[in-house]
Amino acid sequence: GEAFFKDKEYERAMTEYQTVIDVYQDGDAADDAFLAAAMAATEKKWCGDARAYLDTMLRRFPQSPLAKTAKQKLDALKKQAKNPAVCQS
């Protein structure tokens, strides 16, 4: 997923992150995969998908060291929801 993200192939990155989420649902990398998938969705301006990834991550991994970052990103997305330069879905 990271390689696709770096190459700006965000849809492919999301697919790879989703595979990590599906295969390692409770593993150490699942919270990372949720956050990374949200970031890829954000790059595509798919704010609904990004919010869904972040909401799910925060619900499933509230004690994650990434929870604070996820909450901040979720709050920012909610504030920008009506801005078409940031969110197209």
N, C-alpha and C. Protein backbone atom coordinates (compact mmCIF):
# COMPACT_ATOMS: atom_id res chain seq x y z
N GLY A 1 0.79 -1.18 0.00
CA GLY A 1 0.00 0.00 0.00
C GLY A 1 0.85 1.26 0.00
N GLU A 2 1.92 1.22 0.80
CA GLU A 2 2.77 2.41 0.90
C GLU A 2 3.40 2.77 -0.44
N ALA A 3 3.83 1.76 -1.19
CA ALA A 3 4.44 2.03 -2.50
C ALA A 3 3.44 2.67 -3.44
N PHE A 4 2.21 2.17 -3.45
CA PHE A 4 1.18 2.76 -4.29
C PHE A 4 0.86 4.18 -3.84
N PHE A 5 0.80 4.40 -2.54
CA PHE A 5 0.52 5.73 -2.02
C PHE A 5 1.61 6.71 -2.48
N LYS A 6 2.86 6.31 -2.35
CA LYS A 6 3.98 7.18 -2.76
C LYS A 6 3.93 7.49 -4.24
N ASP A 7 3.42 6.53 -5.03
CA ASP A 7 3.29 6.73 -6.48
C ASP A 7 1.98 7.42 -6.85
N LYS A 8 1.24 7.86 -5.85
CA LYS A 8 -0.04 8.54 -6.02
C LYS A 8 -1.09 7.67 -6.70
N GLU A 9 -0.97 6.37 -6.51
CA GLU A 9 -1.97 5.42 -6.99
C GLU A 9 -2.87 5.09 -5.80
N TYR A 10 -3.69 6.07 -5.43
CA TYR A 10 -4.43 6.00 -4.18
C TYR A 10 -5.48 4.90 -4.13
N GLU A 11 -6.14 4.64 -5.25
CA GLU A 11 -7.13 3.56 -5.25
C GLU A 11 -6.46 2.21 -5.01
N ARG A 12 -5.33 1.99 -5.66
CA ARG A 12 -4.61 0.73 -5.45
C ARG A 12 -4.09 0.64 -4.03
N ALA A 13 -3.64 1.77 -3.49
CA ALA A 13 -3.18 1.79 -2.09
C ALA A 13 -4.32 1.41 -1.16
N MET A 14 -5.51 1.97 -1.40
CA MET A 14 -6.65 1.65 -0.56
C MET A 14 -6.98 0.16 -0.62
N THR A 15 -6.87 -0.42 -1.80
CA THR A 15 -7.13 -1.86 -1.94
C THR A 15 -6.16 -2.67 -1.10
N GLU A 16 -4.90 -2.29 -1.12
CA GLU A 16 -3.89 -3.00 -0.33
C GLU A 16 -4.12 -2.80 1.17
N TYR A 17 -4.44 -1.59 1.57
CA TYR A 17 -4.72 -1.34 2.99
C TYR A 17 -5.94 -2.13 3.44
N GLN A 18 -6.95 -2.22 2.56
CA GLN A 18 -8.15 -2.98 2.90
C GLN A 18 -7.82 -4.46 3.07
N THR A 19 -6.90 -4.96 2.28
CA THR A 19 -6.47 -6.36 2.42
C THR A 19 -5.85 -6.58 3.80
N VAL A 20 -5.02 -5.65 4.24
CA VAL A 20 -4.42 -5.76 5.58
C VAL A 20 -5.53 -5.75 6.63
N ILE A 21 -6.49 -4.87 6.48
CA ILE A 21 -7.61 -4.78 7.42
C ILE A 21 -8.38 -6.10 7.46
N ASP A 22 -8.65 -6.66 6.28
CA ASP A 22 -9.44 -7.90 6.20
C ASP A 22 -8.69 -9.10 6.77
N VAL A 23 -7.41 -9.20 6.46
CA VAL A 23 -6.62 -10.37 6.84
C VAL A 23 -6.15 -10.30 8.29
N TYR A 24 -5.78 -9.11 8.72
CA TYR A 24 -5.22 -8.94 10.07
C TYR A 24 -6.11 -8.02 10.91
N GLN A 25 -7.38 -8.38 11.01
CA GLN A 25 -8.39 -7.53 11.64
C GLN A 25 -8.00 -7.01 13.01
N ASP A 26 -7.36 -7.83 13.80
CA ASP A 26 -6.98 -7.42 15.14
C ASP A 26 -5.46 -7.35 15.32
N GLY A 27 -4.75 -7.36 14.21
CA GLY A 27 -3.30 -7.33 14.28
C GLY A 27 -2.75 -5.95 14.56
N ASP A 28 -1.44 -5.93 14.80
CA ASP A 28 -0.76 -4.69 15.13
C ASP A 28 -0.83 -3.66 14.00
N ALA A 29 -0.98 -4.10 12.78
CA ALA A 29 -0.96 -3.17 11.65
C ALA A 29 -2.36 -2.70 11.23
N ALA A 30 -3.40 -3.23 11.83
CA ALA A 30 -4.75 -2.88 11.40
C ALA A 30 -5.05 -1.40 11.60
N ASP A 31 -4.68 -0.84 12.74
CA ASP A 31 -4.97 0.57 12.95
C ASP A 31 -4.19 1.44 11.96
N ASP A 32 -2.95 1.06 11.68
CA ASP A 32 -2.16 1.76 10.67
C ASP A 32 -2.85 1.70 9.31
N ALA A 33 -3.36 0.53 8.96
CA ALA A 33 -4.01 0.35 7.66
C ALA A 33 -5.27 1.20 7.56
N PHE A 34 -6.06 1.27 8.64
CA PHE A 34 -7.24 2.13 8.62
C PHE A 34 -6.86 3.58 8.39
N LEU A 35 -5.87 4.06 9.11
CA LEU A 35 -5.44 5.45 8.97
C LEU A 35 -4.88 5.71 7.58
N ALA A 36 -4.07 4.80 7.09
CA ALA A 36 -3.48 4.97 5.76
C ALA A 36 -4.55 4.94 4.67
N ALA A 37 -5.53 4.06 4.81
CA ALA A 37 -6.63 4.02 3.84
C ALA A 37 -7.41 5.33 3.86
N ALA A 38 -7.61 5.87 5.04
CA ALA A 38 -8.30 7.15 5.16
C ALA A 38 -7.51 8.26 4.46
N MET A 39 -6.20 8.23 4.61
CA MET A 39 -5.38 9.25 3.97
C MET A 39 -5.41 9.11 2.44
N ALA A 40 -5.42 7.88 1.95
CA ALA A 40 -5.53 7.65 0.51
C ALA A 40 -6.89 8.14 0.00
N ALA A 41 -7.95 7.85 0.75
CA ALA A 41 -9.28 8.32 0.36
C ALA A 41 -9.33 9.85 0.36
N THR A 42 -8.67 10.46 1.32
CA THR A 42 -8.62 11.92 1.38
C THR A 42 -7.93 12.50 0.15
N GLU A 43 -6.87 11.85 -0.27
CA GLU A 43 -6.16 12.31 -1.48
C GLU A 43 -7.06 12.25 -2.71
N LYS A 44 -7.97 11.29 -2.73
CA LYS A 44 -8.93 11.17 -3.84
C LYS A 44 -10.13 12.10 -3.66
N LYS A 45 -10.16 12.80 -2.52
CA LYS A 45 -11.27 13.68 -2.15
C LYS A 45 -12.55 12.89 -1.87
N TRP A 46 -12.36 11.67 -1.42
CA TRP A 46 -13.47 10.79 -1.05
C TRP A 46 -13.65 10.87 0.47
N CYS A 47 -14.17 11.97 0.90
CA CYS A 47 -14.25 12.24 2.34
C CYS A 47 -15.19 11.27 3.07
N GLY A 48 -16.24 10.83 2.42
CA GLY A 48 -17.13 9.86 3.05
C GLY A 48 -16.40 8.57 3.38
N ASP A 49 -15.61 8.09 2.44
CA ASP A 49 -14.82 6.88 2.68
C ASP A 49 -13.78 7.12 3.76
N ALA A 50 -13.13 8.26 3.69
CA ALA A 50 -12.10 8.58 4.69
C ALA A 50 -12.71 8.63 6.08
N ARG A 51 -13.87 9.28 6.20
CA ARG A 51 -14.54 9.35 7.51
C ARG A 51 -14.93 7.96 7.99
N ALA A 52 -15.38 7.11 7.09
CA ALA A 52 -15.76 5.75 7.48
C ALA A 52 -14.56 4.98 8.02
N TYR A 53 -13.42 5.08 7.34
CA TYR A 53 -12.22 4.41 7.82
C TYR A 53 -11.82 4.94 9.20
N LEU A 54 -11.84 6.25 9.36
CA LEU A 54 -11.43 6.85 10.64
C LEU A 54 -12.41 6.50 11.75
N ASP A 55 -13.71 6.57 11.46
CA ASP A 55 -14.71 6.21 12.47
C ASP A 55 -14.52 4.77 12.93
N THR A 56 -14.34 3.88 11.97
CA THR A 56 -14.17 2.46 12.31
C THR A 56 -12.89 2.25 13.10
N MET A 57 -11.82 2.90 12.68
CA MET A 57 -10.56 2.76 13.41
C MET A 57 -10.72 3.22 14.86
N LEU A 58 -11.34 4.36 15.06
CA LEU A 58 -11.50 4.89 16.41
C LEU A 58 -12.41 4.02 17.26
N ARG A 59 -13.40 3.42 16.64
CA ARG A 59 -14.31 2.52 17.37
C ARG A 59 -13.61 1.21 17.74
N ARG A 60 -12.83 0.67 16.82
CA ARG A 60 -12.19 -0.63 17.06
C ARG A 60 -10.89 -0.53 17.84
N PHE A 61 -10.20 0.60 17.71
CA PHE A 61 -8.89 0.75 18.35
C PHE A 61 -8.81 2.06 19.12
N PRO A 62 -9.68 2.26 20.10
CA PRO A 62 -9.69 3.55 20.81
C PRO A 62 -8.40 3.83 21.59
N GLN A 63 -7.66 2.80 21.92
CA GLN A 63 -6.42 2.99 22.68
C GLN A 63 -5.17 3.04 21.78
N SER A 64 -5.38 3.03 20.48
CA SER A 64 -4.25 3.06 19.55
C SER A 64 -3.45 4.35 19.72
N PRO A 65 -2.13 4.25 19.56
CA PRO A 65 -1.32 5.47 19.58
C PRO A 65 -1.67 6.41 18.41
N LEU A 66 -2.37 5.88 17.42
CA LEU A 66 -2.78 6.69 16.27
C LEU A 66 -4.15 7.33 16.45
N ALA A 67 -4.81 7.04 17.56
CA ALA A 67 -6.18 7.53 17.77
C ALA A 67 -6.25 9.06 17.77
N LYS A 68 -5.30 9.70 18.38
CA LYS A 68 -5.31 11.17 18.44
C LYS A 68 -5.22 11.76 17.03
N THR A 69 -4.31 11.23 16.22
CA THR A 69 -4.16 11.69 14.84
C THR A 69 -5.44 11.43 14.06
N ALA A 70 -6.01 10.25 14.23
CA ALA A 70 -7.24 9.91 13.52
C ALA A 70 -8.38 10.86 13.90
N LYS A 71 -8.50 11.16 15.18
CA LYS A 71 -9.54 12.07 15.65
C LYS A 71 -9.36 13.46 15.04
N GLN A 72 -8.12 13.94 15.02
CA GLN A 72 -7.85 15.26 14.43
C GLN A 72 -8.20 15.28 12.95
N LYS A 73 -7.85 14.24 12.23
CA LYS A 73 -8.14 14.18 10.80
C LYS A 73 -9.64 14.07 10.57
N LEU A 74 -10.32 13.31 11.41
CA LEU A 74 -11.77 13.18 11.30
C LEU A 74 -12.45 14.53 11.54
N ASP A 75 -12.03 15.23 12.55
CA ASP A 75 -12.59 16.55 12.84
C ASP A 75 -12.36 17.51 11.67
N ALA A 76 -11.18 17.47 11.10
CA ALA A 76 -10.86 18.34 9.96
C ALA A 76 -11.74 18.00 8.76
N LEU A 77 -11.94 16.71 8.51
CA LEU A 77 -12.79 16.29 7.39
C LEU A 77 -14.23 16.74 7.59
N LYS A 78 -14.71 16.63 8.80
CA LYS A 78 -16.08 17.06 9.08
C LYS A 78 -16.25 18.55 8.84
N LYS A 79 -15.25 19.35 9.18
CA LYS A 79 -15.30 20.80 8.97
C LYS A 79 -15.25 21.15 7.49
N GLN A 80 -14.57 20.32 6.70
CA GLN A 80 -14.39 20.59 5.28
C GLN A 80 -15.40 19.86 4.39
N ALA A 81 -16.37 19.20 4.97
CA ALA A 81 -17.28 18.34 4.21
C ALA A 81 -17.97 19.04 3.05
N LYS A 82 -18.27 20.31 3.19
CA LYS A 82 -18.99 21.05 2.15
C LYS A 82 -18.05 21.76 1.16
N ASN A 83 -16.75 21.64 1.38
CA ASN A 83 -15.77 22.30 0.53
C ASN A 83 -15.41 21.38 -0.65
N PRO A 84 -15.86 21.69 -1.87
CA PRO A 84 -15.58 20.81 -3.00
C PRO A 84 -14.10 20.71 -3.37
N ALA A 85 -13.29 21.65 -2.92
CA ALA A 85 -11.85 21.54 -3.17
C ALA A 85 -11.22 20.46 -2.32
N VAL A 86 -11.89 20.08 -1.23
CA VAL A 86 -11.39 19.07 -0.30
C VAL A 86 -12.18 17.78 -0.40
N CYS A 87 -13.49 17.89 -0.52
CA CYS A 87 -14.37 16.71 -0.51
C CYS A 87 -15.29 16.70 -1.72
N GLN A 88 -15.23 15.60 -2.45
CA GLN A 88 -16.13 15.44 -3.58
C GLN A 88 -17.14 14.33 -3.35
N SER A 89 -17.00 13.66 -2.25
CA SER A 89 -17.98 12.62 -1.89
C SER A 89 -18.04 12.49 -0.39
